[in-house]
PDB file of N, CA and C in Angstrom:
ATOM      1  N   MET A   1       0.889  -1.394   0.081  1.00  0.00           N
ATOM      2  CA  MET A   1       0.218  -0.376  -0.083  1.00  0.00           C
ATOM      3  C   MET A   1       1.026   1.024  -0.009  1.00  0.00           C
ATOM      4  N   ILE A   2       1.988   0.891   0.989  1.00  0.00           N
ATOM      5  CA  ILE A   2       2.708   2.412   0.394  1.00  0.00           C
ATOM      6  C   ILE A   2       3.317   2.865  -0.787  1.00  0.00           C
ATOM      7  N   PRO A   3       3.888   1.633  -1.500  1.00  0.00           N
ATOM      8  CA  PRO A   3       3.935   2.796  -3.164  1.00  0.00           C
ATOM      9  C   PRO A   3       2.828   3.264  -3.946  1.00  0.00           C
ATOM     10  N   PHE A   4       1.713   2.844  -3.502  1.00  0.00           N
ATOM     11  CA  PHE A   4       0.588   3.756  -3.473  1.00  0.00           C
ATOM     12  C   PHE A   4       0.719   5.111  -3.321  1.00  0.00           C
ATOM     13  N   ILE A   5       0.596   5.248  -2.185  1.00  0.00           N
ATOM     14  CA  ILE A   5       0.841   6.498  -1.050  1.00  0.00           C
ATOM     15  C   ILE A   5       1.883   7.252  -1.707  1.00  0.00           C
ATOM     16  N   GLU A   6       3.080   6.562  -1.691  1.00  0.00           N
ATOM     17  CA  GLU A   6       4.221   7.398  -1.955  1.00  0.00           C
ATOM     18  C   GLU A   6       4.065   8.232  -2.930  1.00  0.00           C
ATOM     19  N   ASN A   7       3.831   7.451  -4.207  1.00  0.00           N
ATOM     20  CA  ASN A   7       3.265   7.883  -5.746  1.00  0.00           C
ATOM     21  C   ASN A   7       2.629   9.337  -5.535  1.00  0.00           C
ATOM     22  N   ALA A   8       1.553   9.207  -4.876  1.00  0.00           N
ATOM     23  CA  ALA A   8       0.174  10.288  -5.054  1.00  0.00           C
ATOM     24  C   ALA A   8       1.601  11.768  -4.376  1.00  0.00           C
ATOM     25  N   PHE A   9       2.628  11.291  -3.490  1.00  0.00           N
ATOM     26  CA  PHE A   9       3.063  12.439  -2.836  1.00  0.00           C
ATOM     27  C   PHE A   9       4.468  12.927  -4.066  1.00  0.00           C
ATOM     28  N   LYS A  10       4.722  12.048  -4.564  1.00  0.00           N
ATOM     29  CA  LYS A  10       5.718  12.264  -5.529  1.00  0.00           C
ATOM     30  C   LYS A  10       5.939  12.845  -6.928  1.00  0.00           C
ATOM     31  N   HIS A  11       4.222  12.187  -7.113  1.00  0.00           N
ATOM     32  CA  HIS A  11       3.691  12.478  -8.407  1.00  0.00           C
ATOM     33  C   HIS A  11       2.511  13.507  -8.218  1.00  0.00           C
ATOM     34  N   GLY A  12       2.679  14.314  -7.417  1.00  0.00           N
ATOM     35  CA  GLY A  12       1.177  14.727  -6.870  1.00  0.00           C
ATOM     36  C   GLY A  12       0.755  16.397  -7.290  1.00  0.00           C
ATOM     37  N   ARG A  13       0.169  17.207  -7.222  1.00  0.00           N
ATOM     38  CA  ARG A  13       0.663  18.013  -7.488  1.00  0.00           C
ATOM     39  C   ARG A  13       0.073  19.143  -5.804  1.00  0.00           C
ATOM     40  N   VAL A  14       1.597  18.958  -4.784  1.00  0.00           N
ATOM     41  CA  VAL A  14       1.502  19.582  -3.666  1.00  0.00           C
ATOM     42  C   VAL A  14       1.709  21.310  -3.631  1.00  0.00           C
ATOM     43  N   ASP A  15       1.865  21.429  -4.310  1.00  0.00           N
ATOM     44  CA  ASP A  15       2.001  23.029  -4.698  1.00  0.00           C
ATOM     45  C   ASP A  15       1.012  23.846  -4.625  1.00  0.00           C
ATOM     46  N   ILE A  16       0.038  23.546  -4.258  1.00  0.00           N
ATOM     47  CA  ILE A  16      -1.322  24.118  -4.221  1.00  0.00           C
ATOM     48  C   ILE A  16      -1.652  23.800  -2.459  1.00  0.00           C
ATOM     49  N   SER A  17      -2.500  25.219  -2.394  1.00  0.00           N
ATOM     50  CA  SER A  17      -3.202  25.002  -1.282  1.00  0.00           C
ATOM     51  C   SER A  17      -4.193  25.008  -1.158  1.00  0.00           C
ATOM     52  N   PRO A  18      -5.524  24.196  -0.177  1.00  0.00           N
ATOM     53  CA  PRO A  18      -4.469  22.682  -0.153  1.00  0.00           C
ATOM     54  C   PRO A  18      -4.619  21.510  -0.721  1.00  0.00           C
ATOM     55  N   VAL A  19      -3.933  20.679  -0.554  1.00  0.00           N
ATOM     56  CA  VAL A  19      -2.803  20.254  -1.647  1.00  0.00           C
ATOM     57  C   VAL A  19      -4.384  19.162  -1.729  1.00  0.00           C
ATOM     58  N   SER A  20      -3.981  18.400  -2.666  1.00  0.00           N
ATOM     59  CA  SER A  20      -5.654  17.381  -2.803  1.00  0.00           C
ATOM     60  C   SER A  20      -4.986  16.119  -2.790  1.00  0.00           C
ATOM     61  N   ILE A  21      -5.044  15.340  -1.759  1.00  0.00           N
ATOM     62  CA  ILE A  21      -4.510  14.130  -2.023  1.00  0.00           C
ATOM     63  C   ILE A  21      -5.109  13.679  -0.977  1.00  0.00           C
ATOM     64  N   ASP A  22      -6.933  12.090  -1.431  1.00  0.00           N
ATOM     65  CA  ASP A  22      -6.974  11.826  -0.174  1.00  0.00           C
ATOM     66  C   ASP A  22      -7.098  10.522  -0.700  1.00  0.00           C
ATOM     67  N   ILE A  23      -6.823   9.797   0.771  1.00  0.00           N
ATOM     68  CA  ILE A  23      -6.464   8.632   0.693  1.00  0.00           C
ATOM     69  C   ILE A  23      -7.428   7.858   1.801  1.00  0.00           C
ATOM     70  N   GLN A  24      -7.801   6.653   1.260  1.00  0.00           N
ATOM     71  CA  GLN A  24      -9.470   5.835   2.353  1.00  0.00           C
ATOM     72  C   GLN A  24      -8.989   4.744   2.198  1.00  0.00           C
ATOM     73  N   ALA A  25      -8.848   3.788   3.671  1.00  0.00           N
ATOM     74  CA  ALA A  25      -8.496   2.474   3.840  1.00  0.00           C
ATOM     75  C   ALA A  25      -9.853   1.930   4.369  1.00  0.00           C
ATOM     76  N   THR A  26     -10.379   1.037   4.048  1.00  0.00           N
ATOM     77  CA  THR A  26     -11.489   0.483   5.298  1.00  0.00           C
ATOM     78  C   THR A  26     -11.508  -1.553   5.084  1.00  0.00           C
ATOM     79  N   LEU A  27     -12.043  -2.013   6.056  1.00  0.00           N
ATOM     80  CA  LEU A  27     -11.985  -3.065   5.967  1.00  0.00           C
ATOM     81  C   LEU A  27     -13.389  -3.622   6.463  1.00  0.00           C
ATOM     82  N   SER A  28     -14.058  -4.360   4.945  1.00  0.00           N
ATOM     83  CA  SER A  28     -14.556  -5.018   5.810  1.00  0.00           C
ATOM     84  C   SER A  28     -14.836  -5.683   6.324  1.00  0.00           C
ATOM     85  N   THR A  29     -16.590  -6.682   6.848  1.00  0.00           N
ATOM     86  CA  THR A  29     -16.767  -7.637   7.467  1.00  0.00           C
ATOM     87  C   THR A  29     -16.086  -8.899   6.643  1.00  0.00           C
ATOM     88  N   THR A  30     -16.476  -8.834   5.327  1.00  0.00           N
ATOM     89  CA  THR A  30     -15.898 -10.147   5.520  1.00  0.00           C
ATOM     90  C   THR A  30     -14.387 -10.042   4.988  1.00  0.00           C
ATOM     91  N   ASN A  31     -13.405  -9.527   5.571  1.00  0.00           N
ATOM     92  CA  ASN A  31     -12.323  -9.233   5.447  1.00  0.00           C
ATOM     93  C   ASN A  31     -11.149  -8.755   4.176  1.00  0.00           C
ATOM     94  N   VAL A  32     -12.156  -7.613   3.524  1.00  0.00           N
ATOM     95  CA  VAL A  32     -12.000  -7.187   2.138  1.00  0.00           C
ATOM     96  C   VAL A  32     -11.098  -5.762   2.227  1.00  0.00           C
ATOM     97  N   LEU A  33      -9.463  -5.615   2.509  1.00  0.00           N
ATOM     98  CA  LEU A  33      -8.900  -4.203   2.685  1.00  0.00           C
ATOM     99  C   LEU A  33      -9.039  -3.483   1.631  1.00  0.00           C
ATOM    100  N   THR A  34      -9.744  -2.565   1.654  1.00  0.00           N
ATOM    101  CA  THR A  34     -10.059  -1.522   0.420  1.00  0.00           C
ATOM    102  C   THR A  34      -9.354  -0.745   0.965  1.00  0.00           C
ATOM    103  N   LEU A  35      -8.398  -0.013  -0.452  1.00  0.00           N
ATOM    104  CA  LEU A  35      -6.884   1.575   0.005  1.00  0.00           C
ATOM    105  C   LEU A  35      -7.497   1.967  -1.308  1.00  0.00           C
ATOM    106  N   THR A  36      -8.000   3.686  -1.450  1.00  0.00           N
ATOM    107  CA  THR A  36      -8.690   4.176  -2.596  1.00  0.00           C
ATOM    108  C   THR A  36      -7.184   5.273  -2.511  1.00  0.00           C
ATOM    109  N   VAL A  37      -6.604   5.698  -3.143  1.00  0.00           N
ATOM    110  CA  VAL A  37      -5.895   6.351  -3.163  1.00  0.00           C
ATOM    111  C   VAL A  37      -5.720   7.402  -4.605  1.00  0.00           C
ATOM    112  N   LYS A  38      -6.442   8.752  -4.402  1.00  0.00           N
ATOM    113  CA  LYS A  38      -6.296   9.486  -5.593  1.00  0.00           C
ATOM    114  C   LYS A  38      -5.892  11.283  -5.388  1.00  0.00           C
ATOM    115  N   ASN A  39      -5.160  11.229  -6.113  1.00  0.00           N
ATOM    116  CA  ASN A  39      -4.283  12.692  -6.034  1.00  0.00           C
ATOM    117  C   ASN A  39      -4.349  13.981  -7.774  1.00  0.00           C
ATOM    118  N   ILE A  40      -4.031  14.741  -7.517  1.00  0.00           N
ATOM    119  CA  ILE A  40      -4.433  15.869  -9.098  1.00  0.00           C
ATOM    120  C   ILE A  40      -2.859  15.703  -9.382  1.00  0.00           C
ATOM    121  N   LYS A  41      -2.647  15.401 -10.554  1.00  0.00           N
ATOM    122  CA  LYS A  41      -1.533  15.076 -11.284  1.00  0.00           C
ATOM    123  C   LYS A  41      -0.775  16.559 -11.110  1.00  0.00           C
ATOM    124  N   ASN A  42       0.541  16.549 -11.642  1.00  0.00           N
ATOM    125  CA  ASN A  42       1.269  18.210 -11.241  1.00  0.00           C
ATOM    126  C   ASN A  42       1.582  18.103 -12.865  1.00  0.00           C
ATOM    127  N   PRO A  43       1.579  19.215 -13.231  1.00  0.00           N
ATOM    128  CA  PRO A  43       1.535  18.850 -14.721  1.00  0.00           C
ATOM    129  C   PRO A  43       2.920  19.892 -14.927  1.00  0.00           C
ATOM    130  N   TYR A  44       3.555  20.266 -14.332  1.00  0.00           N
ATOM    131  CA  TYR A  44       4.967  20.364 -14.409  1.00  0.00           C
ATOM    132  C   TYR A  44       6.137  19.415 -14.348  1.00  0.00           C
ATOM    133  N   LYS A  45       5.235  18.229 -13.975  1.00  0.00           N
ATOM    134  CA  LYS A  45       6.701  17.248 -13.631  1.00  0.00           C
ATOM    135  C   LYS A  45       6.576  16.709 -14.868  1.00  0.00           C
ATOM    136  N   THR A  46       8.115  16.168 -15.643  1.00  0.00           N
ATOM    137  CA  THR A  46       7.912  15.823 -16.963  1.00  0.00           C
ATOM    138  C   THR A  46       6.840  14.181 -16.633  1.00  0.00           C
ATOM    139  N   THR A  47       6.979  13.958 -17.553  1.00  0.00           N
ATOM    140  CA  THR A  47       6.462  12.143 -17.596  1.00  0.00           C
ATOM    141  C   THR A  47       7.007  11.882 -18.992  1.00  0.00           C
ATOM    142  N   ARG A  48       7.270  10.999 -18.433  1.00  0.00           N
ATOM    143  CA  ARG A  48       7.763   9.986 -20.354  1.00  0.00           C
ATOM    144  C   ARG A  48       6.500   9.350 -21.104  1.00  0.00           C
ATOM    145  N   LYS A  49       6.608   9.269 -22.344  1.00  0.00           N
ATOM    146  CA  LYS A  49       5.346   8.694 -22.399  1.00  0.00           C
ATOM    147  C   LYS A  49       5.607   7.938 -22.696  1.00  0.00           C
ATOM    148  N   ASN A  50       4.619   6.463 -22.956  1.00  0.00           N
ATOM    149  CA  ASN A  50       4.647   5.127 -22.926  1.00  0.00           C
ATOM    150  C   ASN A  50       5.733   4.022 -21.707  1.00  0.00           C
ATOM    151  N   SER A  51       6.090   4.800 -20.408  1.00  0.00           N
ATOM    152  CA  SER A  51       6.791   4.056 -19.406  1.00  0.00           C
ATOM    153  C   SER A  51       5.473   3.794 -17.878  1.00  0.00           C
ATOM    154  N   GLY A  52       5.895   2.449 -18.302  1.00  0.00           N
ATOM    155  CA  GLY A  52       4.809   2.056 -17.524  1.00  0.00           C
ATOM    156  C   GLY A  52       5.426   1.513 -16.305  1.00  0.00           C
ATOM    157  N   GLY A  53       6.579   2.842 -15.340  1.00  0.00           N
ATOM    158  CA  GLY A  53       7.078   2.888 -14.467  1.00  0.00           C
ATOM    159  C   GLY A  53       7.349   1.405 -13.589  1.00  0.00           C
ATOM    160  N   ILE A  54       8.685   1.526 -13.137  1.00  0.00           N
ATOM    161  CA  ILE A  54       8.963   0.049 -13.155  1.00  0.00           C
ATOM    162  C   ILE A  54       8.264  -0.430 -11.154  1.00  0.00           C
ATOM    163  N   GLY A  55       7.660   0.865 -11.112  1.00  0.00           N
ATOM    164  CA  GLY A  55       7.571   0.834  -9.702  1.00  0.00           C
ATOM    165  C   GLY A  55       6.655  -0.067  -9.472  1.00  0.00           C
ATOM    166  N   MET A  56       5.268   0.974 -10.226  1.00  0.00           N
ATOM    167  CA  MET A  56       4.344   0.238 -10.314  1.00  0.00           C
ATOM    168  C   MET A  56       4.317  -1.442 -10.709  1.00  0.00           C
ATOM    169  N   ASN A  57       4.858  -1.908 -11.801  1.00  0.00           N
ATOM    170  CA  ASN A  57       5.539  -3.305 -12.091  1.00  0.00           C
ATOM    171  C   ASN A  57       5.739  -4.286 -10.811  1.00  0.00           C
ATOM    172  N   ASN A  58       6.942  -3.545 -10.013  1.00  0.00           N
ATOM    173  CA  ASN A  58       7.486  -4.295  -8.628  1.00  0.00           C
ATOM    174  C   ASN A  58       5.818  -4.619  -8.382  1.00  0.00           C
ATOM    175  N   VAL A  59       5.243  -3.152  -8.059  1.00  0.00           N
ATOM    176  CA  VAL A  59       3.971  -3.392  -7.140  1.00  0.00           C
ATOM    177  C   VAL A  59       3.049  -4.185  -7.723  1.00  0.00           C
ATOM    178  N   LYS A  60       2.604  -4.937  -8.308  1.00  0.00           N
ATOM    179  CA  LYS A  60       2.112  -5.818  -9.224  1.00  0.00           C
ATOM    180  C   LYS A  60       2.823  -7.579  -8.607  1.00  0.00           C
ATOM    181  N   GLU A  61       3.757  -7.423  -9.703  1.00  0.00           N
ATOM    182  CA  GLU A  61       4.307  -8.413  -9.039  1.00  0.00           C
ATOM    183  C   GLU A  61       4.211  -9.238  -7.797  1.00  0.00           C
ATOM    184  N   ARG A  62       4.788  -8.308  -6.718  1.00  0.00           N
ATOM    185  CA  ARG A  62       4.479  -8.452  -5.381  1.00  0.00           C
ATOM    186  C   ARG A  62       2.886  -8.905  -5.269  1.00  0.00           C
ATOM    187  N   LEU A  63       2.166  -8.249  -5.514  1.00  0.00           N
ATOM    188  CA  LEU A  63       1.036  -8.235  -4.752  1.00  0.00           C
ATOM    189  C   LEU A  63       0.430  -9.781  -5.760  1.00  0.00           C
ATOM    190  N   ASN A  64       0.991 -10.489  -6.682  1.00  0.00           N
ATOM    191  CA  ASN A  64       0.411 -11.490  -7.502  1.00  0.00           C
ATOM    192  C   ASN A  64       1.862 -12.787  -6.967  1.00  0.00           C
ATOM    193  N   LEU A  65       3.187 -12.897  -5.873  1.00  0.00           N
ATOM    194  CA  LEU A  65       3.565 -13.147  -5.047  1.00  0.00           C
ATOM    195  C   LEU A  65       2.534 -13.368  -3.709  1.00  0.00           C
ATOM    196  N   LEU A  66       2.099 -12.814  -2.947  1.00  0.00           N
ATOM    197  CA  LEU A  66       2.176 -12.488  -1.710  1.00  0.00           C
ATOM    198  C   LEU A  66       0.581 -12.942  -1.787  1.00  0.00           C
ATOM    199  N   TYR A  67      -0.392 -12.424  -2.853  1.00  0.00           N
ATOM    200  CA  TYR A  67      -2.091 -12.835  -2.995  1.00  0.00           C
ATOM    201  C   TYR A  67      -2.877 -12.675  -3.994  1.00  0.00           C
ATOM    202  N   PRO A  68      -2.042 -14.223  -4.820  1.00  0.00           N
ATOM    203  CA  PRO A  68      -2.431 -14.793  -5.655  1.00  0.00           C
ATOM    204  C   PRO A  68      -3.995 -14.686  -6.168  1.00  0.00           C
ATOM    205  N   ASN A  69      -4.832 -14.647  -6.795  1.00  0.00           N
ATOM    206  CA  ASN A  69      -6.010 -14.170  -7.099  1.00  0.00           C
ATOM    207  C   ASN A  69      -6.836 -13.822  -5.524  1.00  0.00           C
ATOM    208  N   LYS A  70      -6.205 -12.664  -5.191  1.00  0.00           N
ATOM    209  CA  LYS A  70      -7.143 -12.163  -3.996  1.00  0.00           C
ATOM    210  C   LYS A  70      -7.176 -10.919  -3.803  1.00  0.00           C
ATOM    211  N   TYR A  71      -6.728 -10.189  -5.134  1.00  0.00           N
ATOM    212  CA  TYR A  71      -6.976  -9.017  -5.400  1.00  0.00           C
ATOM    213  C   TYR A  71      -7.158  -8.365  -5.965  1.00  0.00           C
ATOM    214  N   ALA A  72      -7.545  -7.654  -5.972  1.00  0.00           N
ATOM    215  CA  ALA A  72      -8.573  -6.260  -7.694  1.00  0.00           C
ATOM    216  C   ALA A  72      -7.540  -5.196  -7.370  1.00  0.00           C
ATOM    217  N   LEU A  73      -6.871  -4.363  -8.355  1.00  0.00           N
ATOM    218  CA  LEU A  73      -6.004  -3.545  -8.311  1.00  0.00           C
ATOM    219  C   LEU A  73      -6.997  -2.444  -9.321  1.00  0.00           C
ATOM    220  N   ASP A  74      -7.460  -1.785  -9.406  1.00  0.00           N
ATOM    221  CA  ASP A  74      -7.820  -0.985 -10.625  1.00  0.00           C
ATOM    222  C   ASP A  74      -7.316   1.288 -10.655  1.00  0.00           C
ATOM    223  N   ILE A  75      -6.763   1.168 -11.583  1.00  0.00           N
ATOM    224  CA  ILE A  75      -5.750   2.314 -11.991  1.00  0.00           C
ATOM    225  C   ILE A  75      -6.260   3.041 -13.144  1.00  0.00           C
ATOM    226  N   GLN A  76      -6.769   4.278 -12.771  1.00  0.00           N
ATOM    227  CA  GLN A  76      -7.481   5.465 -13.256  1.00  0.00           C
ATOM    228  C   GLN A  76      -6.951   6.255 -13.573  1.00  0.00           C
ATOM    229  N   SER A  77      -6.682   6.622 -15.347  1.00  0.00           N
ATOM    230  CA  SER A  77      -5.438   7.998 -15.198  1.00  0.00           C
ATOM    231  C   SER A  77      -6.561   9.158 -16.247  1.00  0.00           C
ATOM    232  N   ASP A  78      -6.697  10.441 -15.566  1.00  0.00           N
ATOM    233  CA  ASP A  78      -6.759  11.162 -16.796  1.00  0.00           C
ATOM    234  C   ASP A  78      -6.019  11.779 -17.069  1.00  0.00           C
ATOM    235  N   GLU A  79      -6.061  13.270 -17.955  1.00  0.00           N
ATOM    236  CA  GLU A  79      -5.143  14.539 -17.580  1.00  0.00           C
ATOM    237  C   GLU A  79      -4.949  14.889 -16.726  1.00  0.00           C
ATOM    238  N   GLU A  80      -6.227  14.961 -15.471  1.00  0.00           N
ATOM    239  CA  GLU A  80      -6.365  15.778 -14.500  1.00  0.00           C
ATOM    240  C   GLU A  80      -5.979  15.002 -13.571  1.00  0.00           C
ATOM    241  N   THR A  81      -5.883  13.644 -13.309  1.00  0.00           N
ATOM    242  CA  THR A  81      -5.966  13.400 -12.065  1.00  0.00           C
ATOM    243  C   THR A  81      -5.449  11.468 -11.810  1.00  0.00           C
ATOM    244  N   TYR A  82      -5.313  10.856 -11.335  1.00  0.00           N
ATOM    245  CA  TYR A  82      -4.586  10.191 -11.072  1.00  0.00           C
ATOM    246  C   TYR A  82      -5.188   8.690  -9.856  1.00  0.00           C
ATOM    247  N   GLN A  83      -5.817   7.795 -10.039  1.00  0.00           N
ATOM    248  CA  GLN A  83      -6.549   7.281  -8.989  1.00  0.00           C
ATOM    249  C   GLN A  83      -6.099   5.702  -9.133  1.00  0.00           C
ATOM    250  N   VAL A  84      -5.761   5.107  -7.506  1.00  0.00           N
ATOM    251  CA  VAL A  84      -5.487   3.794  -7.568  1.00  0.00           C
ATOM    252  C   VAL A  84      -6.484   3.122  -6.399  1.00  0.00           C
ATOM    253  N   LYS A  85      -7.119   1.725  -6.802  1.00  0.00           N
ATOM    254  CA  LYS A  85      -8.054   1.435  -6.051  1.00  0.00           C
ATOM    255  C   LYS A  85      -7.505  -0.216  -5.737  1.00  0.00           C
ATOM    256  N   LEU A  86      -7.143  -0.218  -4.684  1.00  0.00           N
ATOM    257  CA  LEU A  86      -6.474  -1.965  -4.464  1.00  0.00           C
ATOM    258  C   LEU A  86      -7.537  -2.791  -3.218  1.00  0.00           C
ATOM    259  N   GLU A  87      -8.319  -3.416  -3.587  1.00  0.00           N
ATOM    260  CA  GLU A  87      -8.632  -4.483  -2.768  1.00  0.00           C
ATOM    261  C   GLU A  87      -8.255  -6.088  -2.693  1.00  0.00           C
ATOM    262  N   LEU A  88      -8.387  -6.057  -1.162  1.00  0.00           N
ATOM    263  CA  LEU A  88      -7.330  -7.568  -0.657  1.00  0.00           C
ATOM    264  C   LEU A  88      -8.139  -8.067  -0.210  1.00  0.00           C
ATOM    265  N   THR A  89      -7.915  -9.572   0.108  1.00  0.00           N
ATOM    266  CA  THR A  89      -9.085 -10.410   0.634  1.00  0.00           C
ATOM    267  C   THR A  89      -7.708 -11.535   1.256  1.00  0.00           C
ATOM    268  N   LEU A  90      -8.345 -10.523   2.495  1.00  0.00           N
ATOM    269  CA  LEU A  90      -7.392 -11.065   4.129  1.00  0.00           C
ATOM    270  C   LEU A  90      -7.363 -11.986   4.515  1.00  0.00           C
ATOM    271  N   ASN A  91      -6.458 -13.487   4.282  1.00  0.00           N
ATOM    272  CA  ASN A  91      -6.695 -14.146   5.675  1.00  0.00           C
ATOM    273  C   ASN A  91      -7.381 -14.609   6.421  1.00  0.00           C
ATOM    274  N   THR A  92      -8.441 -15.417   6.845  1.00  0.00           N
ATOM    275  CA  THR A  92      -9.003 -15.386   7.784  1.00  0.00           C
ATOM    276  C   THR A  92      -8.590 -16.558   9.077  1.00  0.00           C
TER     277      THR A  92
END
């Protein structure tokens, strides 16, 4: 979960007030942990086109190793915002 939060600060727009980074974590009664992180993109940061980001690929590999078939990862990105929603089914 930490890489998603770090990315919101690293790639988000933190030069405006108030800073707009929304982090929500919930645990359902069925032991599903949901983390949602949403931030406004920083238009002044240079981004490489077609760069999937090695960090995000590493996170996906770790999720596959630690939570095989027990997670859902949804990443939404548009011109202004970036949002990650991770759902983990925790062992009982």
